[in-house]
Amino acid sequence: MGGPLFIQRVSELVYDFGHNARTNRA
């Protein structure tokens, strides 16, 4: 269900989301 590409996309979204949240808090 999905595959490496799906996992890579999700990882990117999660990383980007965390980065944005950290930047907004600073």
PDB file of N, CA and C in Angstrom:
ATOM      1  N   MET A   1       0.854  -1.200   0.000  1.00  0.00           N
ATOM      2  CA  MET A   1       0.000   0.000   0.000  1.00  0.00           C
ATOM      3  C   MET A   1       0.890   1.251   0.000  1.00  0.00           C
ATOM      4  N   GLY A   2       1.135   1.802  -1.149  1.00  0.00           N
ATOM      5  CA  GLY A   2       1.983   3.000  -1.232  1.00  0.00           C
ATOM      6  C   GLY A   2       3.329   2.660  -1.836  1.00  0.00           C
ATOM      7  N   GLY A   3       4.279   2.327  -0.973  1.00  0.00           N
ATOM      8  CA  GLY A   3       5.612   1.993  -1.475  1.00  0.00           C
ATOM      9  C   GLY A   3       6.644   3.005  -1.018  1.00  0.00           C
ATOM     10  N   PRO A   4       7.890   2.813  -1.414  1.00  0.00           N
ATOM     11  CA  PRO A   4       8.976   3.718  -1.016  1.00  0.00           C
ATOM     12  C   PRO A   4       8.666   5.170  -1.360  1.00  0.00           C
ATOM     13  N   LEU A   5       8.077   5.402  -2.544  1.00  0.00           N
ATOM     14  CA  LEU A   5       7.790   6.770  -2.972  1.00  0.00           C
ATOM     15  C   LEU A   5       6.798   7.417  -2.009  1.00  0.00           C
ATOM     16  N   PHE A   6       5.765   6.663  -1.620  1.00  0.00           N
ATOM     17  CA  PHE A   6       4.764   7.191  -0.697  1.00  0.00           C
ATOM     18  C   PHE A   6       5.411   7.529   0.646  1.00  0.00           C
ATOM     19  N   ILE A   7       6.253   6.618   1.129  1.00  0.00           N
ATOM     20  CA  ILE A   7       6.919   6.847   2.414  1.00  0.00           C
ATOM     21  C   ILE A   7       7.819   8.075   2.328  1.00  0.00           C
ATOM     22  N   GLN A   8       8.512   8.210   1.199  1.00  0.00           N
ATOM     23  CA  GLN A   8       9.413   9.362   1.034  1.00  0.00           C
ATOM     24  C   GLN A   8       8.610  10.657   1.060  1.00  0.00           C
ATOM     25  N   ARG A   9       7.459  10.654   0.390  1.00  0.00           N
ATOM     26  CA  ARG A   9       6.623  11.858   0.330  1.00  0.00           C
ATOM     27  C   ARG A   9       6.125  12.215   1.725  1.00  0.00           C
ATOM     28  N   VAL A  10       5.668  11.213   2.463  1.00  0.00           N
ATOM     29  CA  VAL A  10       5.167  11.461   3.817  1.00  0.00           C
ATOM     30  C   VAL A  10       6.292  11.992   4.702  1.00  0.00           C
ATOM     31  N   SER A  11       7.471  11.397   4.568  1.00  0.00           N
ATOM     32  CA  SER A  11       8.613  11.835   5.383  1.00  0.00           C
ATOM     33  C   SER A  11       8.917  13.297   5.088  1.00  0.00           C
ATOM     34  N   GLU A  12       8.857  13.670   3.823  1.00  0.00           N
ATOM     35  CA  GLU A  12       9.129  15.068   3.449  1.00  0.00           C
ATOM     36  C   GLU A  12       8.100  15.995   4.081  1.00  0.00           C
ATOM     37  N   LEU A  13       6.822  15.607   4.021  1.00  0.00           N
ATOM     38  CA  LEU A  13       5.770  16.453   4.581  1.00  0.00           C
ATOM     39  C   LEU A  13       5.959  16.608   6.086  1.00  0.00           C
ATOM     40  N   VAL A  14       6.241  15.490   6.751  1.00  0.00           N
ATOM     41  CA  VAL A  14       6.422  15.531   8.206  1.00  0.00           C
ATOM     42  C   VAL A  14       7.614  16.402   8.570  1.00  0.00           C
ATOM     43  N   TYR A  15       8.722  16.246   7.836  1.00  0.00           N
ATOM     44  CA  TYR A  15       9.927  17.032   8.121  1.00  0.00           C
ATOM     45  C   TYR A  15       9.650  18.519   7.882  1.00  0.00           C
ATOM     46  N   ASP A  16       8.978  18.816   6.781  1.00  0.00           N
ATOM     47  CA  ASP A  16       8.675  20.209   6.451  1.00  0.00           C
ATOM     48  C   ASP A  16       7.761  20.816   7.509  1.00  0.00           C
ATOM     49  N   PHE A  17       6.759  20.041   7.943  1.00  0.00           N
ATOM     50  CA  PHE A  17       5.822  20.525   8.949  1.00  0.00           C
ATOM     51  C   PHE A  17       6.560  20.843  10.252  1.00  0.00           C
ATOM     52  N   GLY A  18       7.431  19.930  10.677  1.00  0.00           N
ATOM     53  CA  GLY A  18       8.195  20.138  11.910  1.00  0.00           C
ATOM     54  C   GLY A  18       9.101  21.353  11.782  1.00  0.00           C
ATOM     55  N   HIS A  19       9.715  21.517  10.617  1.00  0.00           N
ATOM     56  CA  HIS A  19      10.625  22.649  10.409  1.00  0.00           C
ATOM     57  C   HIS A  19       9.844  23.963  10.482  1.00  0.00           C
ATOM     58  N   ASN A  20       8.674  24.003   9.867  1.00  0.00           N
ATOM     59  CA  ASN A  20       7.864  25.223   9.877  1.00  0.00           C
ATOM     60  C   ASN A  20       7.421  25.551  11.298  1.00  0.00           C
ATOM     61  N   ALA A  21       7.001  24.539  12.041  1.00  0.00           N
ATOM     62  CA  ALA A  21       6.536  24.763  13.410  1.00  0.00           C
ATOM     63  C   ALA A  21       7.681  25.318  14.251  1.00  0.00           C
ATOM     64  N   ARG A  22       8.872  24.768  14.071  1.00  0.00           N
ATOM     65  CA  ARG A  22      10.022  25.221  14.850  1.00  0.00           C
ATOM     66  C   ARG A  22      10.355  26.670  14.493  1.00  0.00           C
ATOM     67  N   THR A  23      10.271  26.999  13.201  1.00  0.00           N
ATOM     68  CA  THR A  23      10.594  28.361  12.762  1.00  0.00           C
ATOM     69  C   THR A  23       9.564  29.350  13.312  1.00  0.00           C
ATOM     70  N   ASN A  24       8.286  28.955  13.314  1.00  0.00           N
ATOM     71  CA  ASN A  24       7.238  29.849  13.799  1.00  0.00           C
ATOM     72  C   ASN A  24       7.410  30.104  15.295  1.00  0.00           C
ATOM     73  N   ARG A  25       7.842  29.100  16.041  1.00  0.00           N
ATOM     74  CA  ARG A  25       7.994  29.257  17.490  1.00  0.00           C
ATOM     75  C   ARG A  25       9.146  30.201  17.796  1.00  0.00           C
ATOM     76  N   ALA A  26      10.221  30.090  17.029  1.00  0.00           N
ATOM     77  CA  ALA A  26      11.417  30.896  17.333  1.00  0.00           C
ATOM     78  C   ALA A  26      11.044  32.373  17.369  1.00  0.00           C
TER      79      ALA A  26
END
